[in-house]
C-alpha atoms as a PDB file:
ATOM      1  CA  UNK A   1       7.025  27.255 -30.739  1.00  0.00           C
ATOM      2  CA  UNK A   2       4.490  25.159 -32.625  1.00  0.00           C
ATOM      3  CA  UNK A   3       1.577  23.383 -30.940  1.00  0.00           C
ATOM      4  CA  UNK A   4       3.261  20.015 -31.457  1.00  0.00           C
ATOM      5  CA  UNK A   5       6.497  21.233 -29.888  1.00  0.00           C
ATOM      6  CA  UNK A   6       4.625  22.743 -26.929  1.00  0.00           C
ATOM      7  CA  UNK A   7       2.713  19.488 -26.379  1.00  0.00           C
ATOM      8  CA  UNK A   8       5.929  17.490 -26.547  1.00  0.00           C
ATOM      9  CA  UNK A   9       7.646  19.872 -24.103  1.00  0.00           C
ATOM     10  CA  UNK A  10       4.781  19.668 -21.587  1.00  0.00           C
ATOM     11  CA  UNK A  11       4.655  15.908 -21.959  1.00  0.00           C
ATOM     12  CA  UNK A  12       8.345  15.579 -21.191  1.00  0.00           C
ATOM     13  CA  UNK A  13       8.135  17.995 -18.271  1.00  0.00           C
ATOM     14  CA  UNK A  14       5.133  16.400 -16.597  1.00  0.00           C
ATOM     15  CA  UNK A  15       6.362  12.930 -17.472  1.00  0.00           C
ATOM     16  CA  UNK A  16       9.133  13.435 -14.934  1.00  0.00           C
ATOM     17  CA  UNK A  17       6.556  14.100 -12.184  1.00  0.00           C
ATOM     18  CA  UNK A  18       5.303  11.014 -10.403  1.00  0.00           C
ATOM     19  CA  UNK A  19       1.651  10.239 -11.136  1.00  0.00           C
ATOM     20  CA  UNK A  20       0.868   9.937  -7.424  1.00  0.00           C
ATOM     21  CA  UNK A  21       1.961  13.528  -6.768  1.00  0.00           C
ATOM     22  CA  UNK A  22      -0.075  14.637  -9.790  1.00  0.00           C
ATOM     23  CA  UNK A  23      -3.139  12.861  -8.340  1.00  0.00           C
ATOM     24  CA  UNK A  24      -2.646  14.647  -5.003  1.00  0.00           C
ATOM     25  CA  UNK A  25      -2.372  18.024  -6.754  1.00  0.00           C
ATOM     26  CA  UNK A  26      -5.522  17.325  -8.792  1.00  0.00           C
ATOM     27  CA  UNK A  27      -7.474  16.404  -5.641  1.00  0.00           C
ATOM     28  CA  UNK A  28      -6.504  19.638  -3.915  1.00  0.00           C
ATOM     29  CA  UNK A  29      -7.270  21.570  -7.080  1.00  0.00           C
ATOM     30  CA  UNK A  30     -10.763  20.068  -7.213  1.00  0.00           C
ATOM     31  CA  UNK A  31     -11.295  20.817  -3.516  1.00  0.00           C
ATOM     32  CA  UNK A  32     -10.203  24.427  -4.043  1.00  0.00           C
ATOM     33  CA  UNK A  33     -12.900  24.805  -6.711  1.00  0.00           C
ATOM     34  CA  UNK A  34     -15.710  22.848  -5.034  1.00  0.00           C
ATOM     35  CA  UNK A  35     -15.191  23.266  -1.285  1.00  0.00           C
ATOM     36  CA  UNK A  36     -12.297  25.608  -0.415  1.00  0.00           C
ATOM     37  CA  UNK A  37     -12.506  25.173   3.406  1.00  0.00           C
ATOM     38  CA  UNK A  38     -11.717  21.477   2.967  1.00  0.00           C
ATOM     39  CA  UNK A  39      -8.283  22.246   1.470  1.00  0.00           C
ATOM     40  CA  UNK A  40      -6.580  23.255   4.750  1.00  0.00           C
ATOM     41  CA  UNK A  41      -8.583  20.633   6.646  1.00  0.00           C
ATOM     42  CA  UNK A  42      -7.361  17.808   4.389  1.00  0.00           C
ATOM     43  CA  UNK A  43      -3.820  19.198   4.422  1.00  0.00           C
ATOM     44  CA  UNK A  44      -3.766  19.295   8.239  1.00  0.00           C
ATOM     45  CA  UNK A  45      -5.257  15.806   8.440  1.00  0.00           C
ATOM     46  CA  UNK A  46      -2.627  14.361   6.093  1.00  0.00           C
ATOM     47  CA  UNK A  47       0.246  16.153   7.818  1.00  0.00           C
ATOM     48  CA  UNK A  48      -0.915  15.109  11.297  1.00  0.00           C
ATOM     49  CA  UNK A  49      -1.312  11.499  10.151  1.00  0.00           C
ATOM     50  CA  UNK A  50       2.137  11.474   8.556  1.00  0.00           C
ATOM     51  CA  UNK A  51       3.704  12.962  11.693  1.00  0.00           C
ATOM     52  CA  UNK A  52       1.967  10.369  13.858  1.00  0.00           C
ATOM     53  CA  UNK A  53       3.115   7.441  11.757  1.00  0.00           C
ATOM     54  CA  UNK A  54       6.598   8.840  11.021  1.00  0.00           C
ATOM     55  CA  UNK A  55       8.417   7.066  13.916  1.00  0.00           C
ATOM     56  CA  UNK A  56       6.970   3.699  12.914  1.00  0.00           C
ATOM     57  CA  UNK A  57       7.822   4.259   9.263  1.00  0.00           C
ATOM     58  CA  UNK A  58      11.335   5.389  10.128  1.00  0.00           C
ATOM     59  CA  UNK A  59      11.935   2.207  12.101  1.00  0.00           C
ATOM     60  CA  UNK A  60      10.480  -0.028   9.395  1.00  0.00           C
ATOM     61  CA  UNK A  61      12.453   1.694   6.615  1.00  0.00           C
ATOM     62  CA  UNK A  62      15.651   1.426   8.671  1.00  0.00           C
ATOM     63  CA  UNK A  63      14.993  -2.265   9.347  1.00  0.00           C
ATOM     64  CA  UNK A  64      14.369  -2.924   5.651  1.00  0.00           C
ATOM     65  CA  UNK A  65      17.502  -1.004   4.631  1.00  0.00           C
ATOM     66  CA  UNK A  66      19.578  -2.810   7.253  1.00  0.00           C
ATOM     67  CA  UNK A  67      18.226  -6.171   6.101  1.00  0.00           C
ATOM     68  CA  UNK A  68      19.372  -5.480   2.552  1.00  0.00           C
ATOM     69  CA  UNK A  69      22.755  -3.949   3.429  1.00  0.00           C
ATOM     70  CA  UNK A  70      23.692  -6.685   5.895  1.00  0.00           C
ATOM     71  CA  UNK A  71      22.393  -9.608   3.852  1.00  0.00           C
ATOM     72  CA  UNK A  72      19.787 -10.414   6.488  1.00  0.00           C
ATOM     73  CA  UNK A  73      17.017 -10.457   3.893  1.00  0.00           C
ATOM     74  CA  UNK A  74      18.670 -13.353   2.045  1.00  0.00           C
ATOM     75  CA  UNK A  75      19.113 -15.291   5.277  1.00  0.00           C
ATOM     76  CA  UNK A  76      15.443 -14.806   6.134  1.00  0.00           C
ATOM     77  CA  UNK A  77      14.580 -15.902   2.626  1.00  0.00           C
ATOM     78  CA  UNK A  78      16.472 -19.146   3.160  1.00  0.00           C
ATOM     79  CA  UNK A  79      14.804 -19.735   6.533  1.00  0.00           C
ATOM     80  CA  UNK A  80      11.310 -19.205   5.098  1.00  0.00           C
ATOM     81  CA  UNK A  81      11.979 -21.309   2.041  1.00  0.00           C
ATOM     82  CA  UNK A  82      12.015 -24.550   4.013  1.00  0.00           C
ATOM     83  CA  UNK A  83       9.046 -26.355   5.523  1.00  0.00           C
ATOM     84  CA  UNK A  84       5.927 -24.464   4.419  1.00  0.00           C
ATOM     85  CA  UNK A  85       3.813 -25.309   7.461  1.00  0.00           C
ATOM     86  CA  UNK A  86       6.442 -24.176   9.931  1.00  0.00           C
ATOM     87  CA  UNK A  87       7.240 -21.015   7.947  1.00  0.00           C
ATOM     88  CA  UNK A  88       3.575 -19.974   7.744  1.00  0.00           C
ATOM     89  CA  UNK A  89       2.866 -20.579  11.426  1.00  0.00           C
ATOM     90  CA  UNK A  90       6.022 -18.716  12.464  1.00  0.00           C
ATOM     91  CA  UNK A  91       5.191 -15.827  10.142  1.00  0.00           C
ATOM     92  CA  UNK A  92       1.633 -15.562  11.519  1.00  0.00           C
ATOM     93  CA  UNK A  93       2.889 -15.662  15.115  1.00  0.00           C
ATOM     94  CA  UNK A  94       5.621 -13.125  14.433  1.00  0.00           C
ATOM     95  CA  UNK A  95       3.152 -10.864  12.634  1.00  0.00           C
ATOM     96  CA  UNK A  96       0.779 -10.915  15.600  1.00  0.00           C
ATOM     97  CA  UNK A  97       3.642  -9.907  17.915  1.00  0.00           C
ATOM     98  CA  UNK A  98       5.513  -7.439  15.694  1.00  0.00           C
ATOM     99  CA  UNK A  99       5.215  -3.679  16.332  1.00  0.00           C
ATOM    100  CA  UNK A 100       4.662  -2.749  12.677  1.00  0.00           C
ATOM    101  CA  UNK A 101       1.401  -1.300  11.343  1.00  0.00           C
ATOM    102  CA  UNK A 102      -0.071  -2.247   7.959  1.00  0.00           C
ATOM    103  CA  UNK A 103       1.761   0.624   6.225  1.00  0.00           C
ATOM    104  CA  UNK A 104       5.005   0.443   8.170  1.00  0.00           C
ATOM    105  CA  UNK A 105       5.464  -3.217   7.307  1.00  0.00           C
ATOM    106  CA  UNK A 106       5.436  -2.506   3.535  1.00  0.00           C
ATOM    107  CA  UNK A 107       9.216  -1.974   3.097  1.00  0.00           C
ATOM    108  CA  UNK A 108       9.904  -5.158   5.052  1.00  0.00           C
ATOM    109  CA  UNK A 109       7.452  -7.069   2.867  1.00  0.00           C
ATOM    110  CA  UNK A 110       9.102  -5.687  -0.280  1.00  0.00           C
ATOM    111  CA  UNK A 111      12.511  -6.736   0.998  1.00  0.00           C
ATOM    112  CA  UNK A 112      11.343 -10.240   1.884  1.00  0.00           C
ATOM    113  CA  UNK A 113       9.659 -10.799  -1.480  1.00  0.00           C
ATOM    114  CA  UNK A 114      12.674  -9.365  -3.280  1.00  0.00           C
ATOM    115  CA  UNK A 115      14.938 -11.722  -1.334  1.00  0.00           C
ATOM    116  CA  UNK A 116      12.934 -14.721  -2.513  1.00  0.00           C
ATOM    117  CA  UNK A 117      10.746 -15.409   0.523  1.00  0.00           C
ATOM    118  CA  UNK A 118       7.658 -17.344  -0.668  1.00  0.00           C
ATOM    119  CA  UNK A 119       4.429 -15.353  -0.846  1.00  0.00           C
ATOM    120  CA  UNK A 120       2.547 -17.686   1.529  1.00  0.00           C
ATOM    121  CA  UNK A 121       4.469 -16.898   4.752  1.00  0.00           C
ATOM    122  CA  UNK A 122       4.772 -13.261   3.670  1.00  0.00           C
ATOM    123  CA  UNK A 123       0.982 -13.059   3.318  1.00  0.00           C
ATOM    124  CA  UNK A 124       0.584 -14.657   6.753  1.00  0.00           C
ATOM    125  CA  UNK A 125       2.853 -12.033   8.286  1.00  0.00           C
ATOM    126  CA  UNK A 126       1.273  -9.215   6.289  1.00  0.00           C
ATOM    127  CA  UNK A 127      -2.309  -9.851   7.450  1.00  0.00           C
ATOM    128  CA  UNK A 128      -1.446 -10.635  11.060  1.00  0.00           C
ATOM    129  CA  UNK A 129       0.859  -7.661  11.617  1.00  0.00           C
ATOM    130  CA  UNK A 130      -1.634  -4.734  11.647  1.00  0.00           C
ATOM    131  CA  UNK A 131      -4.131  -6.519  13.910  1.00  0.00           C
ATOM    132  CA  UNK A 132      -2.162  -6.902  17.104  1.00  0.00           C
ATOM    133  CA  UNK A 133       1.118  -6.045  18.794  1.00  0.00           C
ATOM    134  CA  UNK A 134       2.229  -5.992  22.450  1.00  0.00           C
ATOM    135  CA  UNK A 135       1.515  -2.286  22.921  1.00  0.00           C
ATOM    136  CA  UNK A 136      -1.954  -2.582  21.402  1.00  0.00           C
ATOM    137  CA  UNK A 137      -2.720  -5.589  23.603  1.00  0.00           C
ATOM    138  CA  UNK A 138      -1.856  -3.608  26.749  1.00  0.00           C
ATOM    139  CA  UNK A 139      -3.868  -0.553  25.634  1.00  0.00           C
ATOM    140  CA  UNK A 140      -6.927  -2.633  24.760  1.00  0.00           C
ATOM    141  CA  UNK A 141      -7.154  -4.495  28.068  1.00  0.00           C
ATOM    142  CA  UNK A 142      -8.595  -1.698  30.242  1.00  0.00           C
ATOM    143  CA  UNK A 143     -10.918  -0.422  27.484  1.00  0.00           C
ATOM    144  CA  UNK A 144     -12.172  -3.568  25.754  1.00  0.00           C
ATOM    145  CA  UNK A 145     -11.645  -6.195  28.443  1.00  0.00           C
ATOM    146  CA  UNK A 146      -9.648  -9.417  28.471  1.00  0.00           C
ATOM    147  CA  UNK A 147     -12.162 -11.471  26.477  1.00  0.00           C
ATOM    148  CA  UNK A 148     -12.320  -9.050  23.541  1.00  0.00           C
ATOM    149  CA  UNK A 149      -8.555  -8.420  23.559  1.00  0.00           C
ATOM    150  CA  UNK A 150      -7.675 -12.109  23.524  1.00  0.00           C
ATOM    151  CA  UNK A 151     -10.222 -12.679  20.754  1.00  0.00           C
ATOM    152  CA  UNK A 152      -8.518 -10.038  18.595  1.00  0.00           C
ATOM    153  CA  UNK A 153      -5.091 -11.541  19.301  1.00  0.00           C
ATOM    154  CA  UNK A 154      -6.299 -15.019  18.307  1.00  0.00           C
ATOM    155  CA  UNK A 155      -7.965 -13.516  15.235  1.00  0.00           C
ATOM    156  CA  UNK A 156      -4.659 -11.944  14.173  1.00  0.00           C
ATOM    157  CA  UNK A 157      -2.861 -15.283  14.333  1.00  0.00           C
ATOM    158  CA  UNK A 158      -5.774 -17.235  12.833  1.00  0.00           C
ATOM    159  CA  UNK A 159      -6.320 -14.901   9.882  1.00  0.00           C
ATOM    160  CA  UNK A 160      -2.587 -14.826   9.206  1.00  0.00           C
ATOM    161  CA  UNK A 161      -2.278 -18.613   9.326  1.00  0.00           C
ATOM    162  CA  UNK A 162      -5.338 -19.241   7.136  1.00  0.00           C
ATOM    163  CA  UNK A 163      -4.119 -16.603   4.671  1.00  0.00           C
ATOM    164  CA  UNK A 164      -0.732 -18.284   4.501  1.00  0.00           C
ATOM    165  CA  UNK A 165      -2.046 -21.813   3.973  1.00  0.00           C
ATOM    166  CA  UNK A 166      -4.680 -20.854   1.393  1.00  0.00           C
ATOM    167  CA  UNK A 167      -2.107 -18.774  -0.485  1.00  0.00           C
ATOM    168  CA  UNK A 168       0.259 -21.744  -0.396  1.00  0.00           C
ATOM    169  CA  UNK A 169      -2.424 -23.982  -1.957  1.00  0.00           C
ATOM    170  CA  UNK A 170      -3.156 -21.452  -4.694  1.00  0.00           C
ATOM    171  CA  UNK A 171       0.537 -21.106  -5.499  1.00  0.00           C
ATOM    172  CA  UNK A 172       0.823 -24.890  -5.811  1.00  0.00           C
ATOM    173  CA  UNK A 173      -2.010 -24.657  -8.341  1.00  0.00           C
ATOM    174  CA  UNK A 174      -0.074 -22.134 -10.405  1.00  0.00           C
ATOM    175  CA  UNK A 175      -1.418 -18.817  -9.101  1.00  0.00           C
ATOM    176  CA  UNK A 176       0.583 -15.692  -8.181  1.00  0.00           C
ATOM    177  CA  UNK A 177       3.722 -16.526 -10.157  1.00  0.00           C
ATOM    178  CA  UNK A 178       4.937 -12.929  -9.788  1.00  0.00           C
ATOM    179  CA  UNK A 179       3.791 -11.022  -6.708  1.00  0.00           C
ATOM    180  CA  UNK A 180       5.652  -7.701  -6.908  1.00  0.00           C
ATOM    181  CA  UNK A 181       4.891  -5.052  -9.486  1.00  0.00           C
ATOM    182  CA  UNK A 182       7.389  -5.046 -12.407  1.00  0.00           C
ATOM    183  CA  UNK A 183       9.274  -1.897 -11.389  1.00  0.00           C
ATOM    184  CA  UNK A 184       9.714  -3.221  -7.837  1.00  0.00           C
ATOM    185  CA  UNK A 185      10.773  -6.634  -9.075  1.00  0.00           C
ATOM    186  CA  UNK A 186      13.456  -4.930 -11.164  1.00  0.00           C
ATOM    187  CA  UNK A 187      14.655  -2.869  -8.205  1.00  0.00           C
ATOM    188  CA  UNK A 188      14.706  -5.824  -5.804  1.00  0.00           C
ATOM    189  CA  UNK A 189      16.417  -8.096  -8.283  1.00  0.00           C
ATOM    190  CA  UNK A 190      19.068  -5.742  -9.563  1.00  0.00           C
ATOM    191  CA  UNK A 191      22.715  -6.632  -9.774  1.00  0.00           C
ATOM    192  CA  UNK A 192      23.565  -4.520  -6.757  1.00  0.00           C
ATOM    193  CA  UNK A 193      21.255  -6.613  -4.658  1.00  0.00           C
ATOM    194  CA  UNK A 194      22.722  -9.821  -6.002  1.00  0.00           C
ATOM    195  CA  UNK A 195      26.219  -8.564  -5.274  1.00  0.00           C
ATOM    196  CA  UNK A 196      25.303  -8.235  -1.611  1.00  0.00           C
ATOM    197  CA  UNK A 197      24.347 -11.866  -1.230  1.00  0.00           C
ATOM    198  CA  UNK A 198      26.420 -13.484   1.455  1.00  0.00           C
ATOM    199  CA  UNK A 199      26.658 -16.741   3.338  1.00  0.00           C
ATOM    200  CA  UNK A 200      26.532 -14.859   6.624  1.00  0.00           C
ATOM    201  CA  UNK A 201      25.032 -11.657   7.981  1.00  0.00           C
ATOM    202  CA  UNK A 202      27.409  -8.688   7.877  1.00  0.00           C
ATOM    203  CA  UNK A 203      26.301  -6.868  11.038  1.00  0.00           C
ATOM    204  CA  UNK A 204      28.921  -4.100  10.715  1.00  0.00           C
ATOM    205  CA  UNK A 205      27.909  -3.303   7.148  1.00  0.00           C
ATOM    206  CA  UNK A 206      28.956   0.365   7.439  1.00  0.00           C
ATOM    207  CA  UNK A 207      32.618  -0.574   7.043  1.00  0.00           C
ATOM    208  CA  UNK A 208      31.981  -1.593   3.421  1.00  0.00           C
ATOM    209  CA  UNK A 209      31.242   1.264   0.963  1.00  0.00           C
ATOM    210  CA  UNK A 210      29.024  -0.912  -1.228  1.00  0.00           C
ATOM    211  CA  UNK A 211      26.845  -1.932   1.702  1.00  0.00           C
ATOM    212  CA  UNK A 212      26.641   1.639   3.021  1.00  0.00           C
ATOM    213  CA  UNK A 213      25.472   2.693  -0.418  1.00  0.00           C
ATOM    214  CA  UNK A 214      22.903  -0.102  -0.445  1.00  0.00           C
ATOM    215  CA  UNK A 215      21.588   1.021   2.947  1.00  0.00           C
ATOM    216  CA  UNK A 216      21.188   4.682   1.985  1.00  0.00           C
ATOM    217  CA  UNK A 217      19.772   3.833  -1.425  1.00  0.00           C
ATOM    218  CA  UNK A 218      17.199   1.426  -0.011  1.00  0.00           C
ATOM    219  CA  UNK A 219      16.183   3.838   2.758  1.00  0.00           C
ATOM    220  CA  UNK A 220      15.775   6.739   0.318  1.00  0.00           C
ATOM    221  CA  UNK A 221      13.867   4.779  -2.310  1.00  0.00           C
ATOM    222  CA  UNK A 222      11.563   3.076   0.160  1.00  0.00           C
ATOM    223  CA  UNK A 223      11.006   6.215   2.204  1.00  0.00           C
ATOM    224  CA  UNK A 224       9.959   8.273  -0.815  1.00  0.00           C
ATOM    225  CA  UNK A 225       7.839   5.400  -2.108  1.00  0.00           C
ATOM    226  CA  UNK A 226       5.895   5.232   1.158  1.00  0.00           C
ATOM    227  CA  UNK A 227       5.693   9.004   1.558  1.00  0.00           C
ATOM    228  CA  UNK A 228       3.913   9.616  -1.737  1.00  0.00           C
ATOM    229  CA  UNK A 229       1.429   6.750  -1.389  1.00  0.00           C
ATOM    230  CA  UNK A 230       0.641   7.470   2.255  1.00  0.00           C
ATOM    231  CA  UNK A 231       0.152  11.158   1.499  1.00  0.00           C
ATOM    232  CA  UNK A 232      -2.410  10.280  -1.168  1.00  0.00           C
ATOM    233  CA  UNK A 233      -4.029   7.722   1.157  1.00  0.00           C
ATOM    234  CA  UNK A 234      -4.358  10.166   4.057  1.00  0.00           C
ATOM    235  CA  UNK A 235      -5.770  12.897   1.794  1.00  0.00           C
ATOM    236  CA  UNK A 236      -8.447  10.473   0.609  1.00  0.00           C
ATOM    237  CA  UNK A 237      -9.021   9.328   4.176  1.00  0.00           C
ATOM    238  CA  UNK A 238      -9.576  12.936   5.263  1.00  0.00           C
ATOM    239  CA  UNK A 239     -12.426  13.154   2.751  1.00  0.00           C
ATOM    240  CA  UNK A 240     -13.897   9.898   4.040  1.00  0.00           C
ATOM    241  CA  UNK A 241     -13.757  11.109   7.625  1.00  0.00           C
ATOM    242  CA  UNK A 242     -15.324  14.436   6.627  1.00  0.00           C
ATOM    243  CA  UNK A 243     -18.175  13.073   4.539  1.00  0.00           C
ATOM    244  CA  UNK A 244     -18.613   9.581   6.057  1.00  0.00           C
ATOM    245  CA  UNK A 245     -18.465  10.121   9.854  1.00  0.00           C
ATOM    246  CA  UNK A 246     -17.719   6.694  11.287  1.00  0.00           C
ATOM    247  CA  UNK A 247     -18.824   7.470  14.831  1.00  0.00           C
ATOM    248  CA  UNK A 248     -22.321   8.496  13.743  1.00  0.00           C
ATOM    249  CA  UNK A 249     -22.815   5.606  11.344  1.00  0.00           C
ATOM    250  CA  UNK A 250     -21.441   2.934  13.658  1.00  0.00           C
ATOM    251  CA  UNK A 251     -23.704   4.148  16.481  1.00  0.00           C
ATOM    252  CA  UNK A 252     -26.565   2.476  14.615  1.00  0.00           C
ATOM    253  CA  UNK A 253     -24.845  -0.904  14.674  1.00  0.00           C
ATOM    254  CA  UNK A 254     -26.216  -1.984  18.024  1.00  0.00           C
ATOM    255  CA  UNK A 255     -28.469  -4.938  18.537  1.00  0.00           C
ATOM    256  CA  UNK A 256     -28.073  -8.521  17.418  1.00  0.00           C
ATOM    257  CA  UNK A 257     -29.403  -8.329  13.859  1.00  0.00           C
ATOM    258  CA  UNK A 258     -27.538 -10.450  11.317  1.00  0.00           C
ATOM    259  CA  UNK A 259     -26.549  -7.438   9.250  1.00  0.00           C
ATOM    260  CA  UNK A 260     -24.697  -5.566  12.003  1.00  0.00           C
ATOM    261  CA  UNK A 261     -21.422  -7.428  11.414  1.00  0.00           C
ATOM    262  CA  UNK A 262     -21.338  -6.940   7.603  1.00  0.00           C
ATOM    263  CA  UNK A 263     -22.376  -3.312   8.136  1.00  0.00           C
ATOM    264  CA  UNK A 264     -19.558  -2.808  10.642  1.00  0.00           C
ATOM    265  CA  UNK A 265     -17.110  -4.184   8.076  1.00  0.00           C
ATOM    266  CA  UNK A 266     -18.406  -1.848   5.362  1.00  0.00           C
ATOM    267  CA  UNK A 267     -18.076   1.095   7.754  1.00  0.00           C
ATOM    268  CA  UNK A 268     -14.641   0.066   8.982  1.00  0.00           C
ATOM    269  CA  UNK A 269     -13.026  -0.301   5.563  1.00  0.00           C
ATOM    270  CA  UNK A 270     -13.149   3.378   4.464  1.00  0.00           C
ATOM    271  CA  UNK A 271     -13.284   5.174   7.825  1.00  0.00           C
ATOM    272  CA  UNK A 272     -10.855   3.242  10.016  1.00  0.00           C
ATOM    273  CA  UNK A 273      -7.870   5.310  11.188  1.00  0.00           C
ATOM    274  CA  UNK A 274      -5.429   2.968  12.952  1.00  0.00           C
ATOM    275  CA  UNK A 275      -5.398   0.308  15.632  1.00  0.00           C
ATOM    276  CA  UNK A 276      -4.680   2.745  18.455  1.00  0.00           C
ATOM    277  CA  UNK A 277      -7.227   5.396  17.450  1.00  0.00           C
ATOM    278  CA  UNK A 278      -9.894   2.696  17.055  1.00  0.00           C
ATOM    279  CA  UNK A 279      -9.593   1.528  20.670  1.00  0.00           C
ATOM    280  CA  UNK A 280     -11.372   4.467  22.372  1.00  0.00           C
ATOM    281  CA  UNK A 281     -13.752   4.865  19.405  1.00  0.00           C
ATOM    282  CA  UNK A 282     -14.968   1.265  19.437  1.00  0.00           C
ATOM    283  CA  UNK A 283     -14.937   1.169  23.228  1.00  0.00           C
ATOM    284  CA  UNK A 284     -17.242   4.184  23.344  1.00  0.00           C
ATOM    285  CA  UNK A 285     -19.527   2.739  20.664  1.00  0.00           C
ATOM    286  CA  UNK A 286     -19.797  -0.536  22.565  1.00  0.00           C
ATOM    287  CA  UNK A 287     -20.827   1.467  25.636  1.00  0.00           C
ATOM    288  CA  UNK A 288     -23.562   3.001  23.477  1.00  0.00           C
ATOM    289  CA  UNK A 289     -24.846  -0.411  22.390  1.00  0.00           C
ATOM    290  CA  UNK A 290     -22.592  -1.625  19.570  1.00  0.00           C
ATOM    291  CA  UNK A 291     -22.221  -5.396  19.855  1.00  0.00           C
ATOM    292  CA  UNK A 292     -18.751  -6.773  20.701  1.00  0.00           C
ATOM    293  CA  UNK A 293     -18.809  -8.921  17.543  1.00  0.00           C
ATOM    294  CA  UNK A 294     -19.550  -5.871  15.374  1.00  0.00           C
ATOM    295  CA  UNK A 295     -16.788  -3.972  17.167  1.00  0.00           C
ATOM    296  CA  UNK A 296     -14.340  -6.790  16.453  1.00  0.00           C
ATOM    297  CA  UNK A 297     -15.408  -6.855  12.798  1.00  0.00           C
ATOM    298  CA  UNK A 298     -14.886  -3.084  12.552  1.00  0.00           C
ATOM    299  CA  UNK A 299     -11.376  -3.271  14.024  1.00  0.00           C
ATOM    300  CA  UNK A 300     -10.206  -6.263  11.994  1.00  0.00           C
ATOM    301  CA  UNK A 301     -11.603  -5.207   8.603  1.00  0.00           C
ATOM    302  CA  UNK A 302     -10.423  -1.644   9.099  1.00  0.00           C
ATOM    303  CA  UNK A 303      -6.953  -2.689  10.192  1.00  0.00           C
ATOM    304  CA  UNK A 304      -6.368  -4.812   7.102  1.00  0.00           C
ATOM    305  CA  UNK A 305      -8.322  -3.071   4.338  1.00  0.00           C
ATOM    306  CA  UNK A 306      -8.486   0.604   5.352  1.00  0.00           C
ATOM    307  CA  UNK A 307      -7.554   3.172   2.707  1.00  0.00           C
ATOM    308  CA  UNK A 308      -3.915   3.661   3.804  1.00  0.00           C
ATOM    309  CA  UNK A 309      -3.333  -0.076   4.199  1.00  0.00           C
ATOM    310  CA  UNK A 310      -4.993  -0.961   0.885  1.00  0.00           C
ATOM    311  CA  UNK A 311      -3.134   1.703  -1.070  1.00  0.00           C
ATOM    312  CA  UNK A 312       0.177   0.578   0.386  1.00  0.00           C
ATOM    313  CA  UNK A 313      -0.562  -2.973  -0.775  1.00  0.00           C
ATOM    314  CA  UNK A 314      -1.839  -1.801  -4.170  1.00  0.00           C
ATOM    315  CA  UNK A 315       1.366   0.144  -4.784  1.00  0.00           C
ATOM    316  CA  UNK A 316       3.509  -2.878  -3.999  1.00  0.00           C
ATOM    317  CA  UNK A 317       1.954  -5.993  -5.556  1.00  0.00           C
ATOM    318  CA  UNK A 318       0.205  -6.984  -8.751  1.00  0.00           C
ATOM    319  CA  UNK A 319      -3.563  -6.774  -9.152  1.00  0.00           C
ATOM    320  CA  UNK A 320      -4.275 -10.445  -8.489  1.00  0.00           C
ATOM    321  CA  UNK A 321      -2.336 -10.459  -5.220  1.00  0.00           C
ATOM    322  CA  UNK A 322      -3.994  -7.189  -4.185  1.00  0.00           C
ATOM    323  CA  UNK A 323      -7.489  -8.597  -4.809  1.00  0.00           C
ATOM    324  CA  UNK A 324      -6.573 -11.744  -2.878  1.00  0.00           C
ATOM    325  CA  UNK A 325      -5.296  -9.632   0.039  1.00  0.00           C
ATOM    326  CA  UNK A 326      -8.593  -7.732   0.193  1.00  0.00           C
ATOM    327  CA  UNK A 327     -10.627 -10.935  -0.022  1.00  0.00           C
ATOM    328  CA  UNK A 328      -8.641 -12.522   2.800  1.00  0.00           C
ATOM    329  CA  UNK A 329      -9.091  -9.436   4.987  1.00  0.00           C
ATOM    330  CA  UNK A 330     -12.838  -9.135   4.411  1.00  0.00           C
ATOM    331  CA  UNK A 331     -13.634 -12.847   4.693  1.00  0.00           C
ATOM    332  CA  UNK A 332     -11.315 -13.225   7.686  1.00  0.00           C
ATOM    333  CA  UNK A 333     -12.980 -10.359   9.553  1.00  0.00           C
ATOM    334  CA  UNK A 334     -16.425 -11.745   8.733  1.00  0.00           C
ATOM    335  CA  UNK A 335     -15.570 -15.285   9.910  1.00  0.00           C
ATOM    336  CA  UNK A 336     -13.837 -14.235  13.132  1.00  0.00           C
ATOM    337  CA  UNK A 337     -16.608 -11.787  14.070  1.00  0.00           C
ATOM    338  CA  UNK A 338     -19.343 -14.401  13.609  1.00  0.00           C
ATOM    339  CA  UNK A 339     -17.193 -16.908  15.476  1.00  0.00           C
ATOM    340  CA  UNK A 340     -16.803 -14.446  18.360  1.00  0.00           C
ATOM    341  CA  UNK A 341     -20.564 -13.808  18.368  1.00  0.00           C
ATOM    342  CA  UNK A 342     -21.202 -17.559  18.540  1.00  0.00           C
ATOM    343  CA  UNK A 343     -18.730 -17.910  21.420  1.00  0.00           C
ATOM    344  CA  UNK A 344     -20.418 -15.095  23.353  1.00  0.00           C
ATOM    345  CA  UNK A 345     -23.847 -16.641  22.760  1.00  0.00           C
ATOM    346  CA  UNK A 346     -22.690 -20.070  24.013  1.00  0.00           C
ATOM    347  CA  UNK A 347     -20.867 -18.704  27.041  1.00  0.00           C
ATOM    348  CA  UNK A 348     -23.695 -16.366  28.064  1.00  0.00           C
END
């Protein structure tokens, strides 16, 4: 076999392997050469994180697959295509009350965008969803107190609403014509999806072979899509946790200096784990002197722009929408944290 033939053969063989899996293999290969003990540590971290989030992902994937197979996604698209103000406010409120995390909501977001739901209410739902849900509210009360918990709930709705309205204004000005990445747009807009459009929701979709096929196909495609990106995200997060220990860095964020809130945001973005794991962490840091406003900034910025959340968004939407998502998360966390600090100063 000539060199050209060997190169062509390797190219074809590796071309069939997804680039995300290749990136994961390269990371572990580099770790094996540079710091071998980190290989099993990162593997355990990623596996534990995937196991922890698996129930939430399973529910979200099933909901997304059901929405497509039953025609519910098209009905939601029609409902959110009406009055923009009402759609955005409802999406922000629903996001603040929904049980989906920032990663688990990805298949639902893809389904909504593919069904024609405008980006503005989708963005409102997307940013509000990871910040608060009923279970998180109950868990935060005994640790953080009523004042802090209510502030985070209001922040979830406020950030979602502002994100929706500002996105709506930008779209009216001609921005974000195409939100989804090309390959996802093709998948969401395929003929099979169009064939499932219906004037009513088919709740018992399993009686129709075409809809059963749509359900299994959507669940498989979305599940594998999330699995590969979340695996890469959690591997990278394991390295952040190992080499950028959040608990030690954030312990220095006490006091009322102006820079504590921006510093808390910078710490929260790479090292944040999830909304539930952050509750005891931030509660303990506040006991050690971390200001409540800095703690709120850490939880909000981390919830929206942490590595797993950001990579899930990056894999789904185009670069401009991704940059806008990050900007909304960072600016929203900054504004709400300073607003909370001002409220505490006035009420003291």
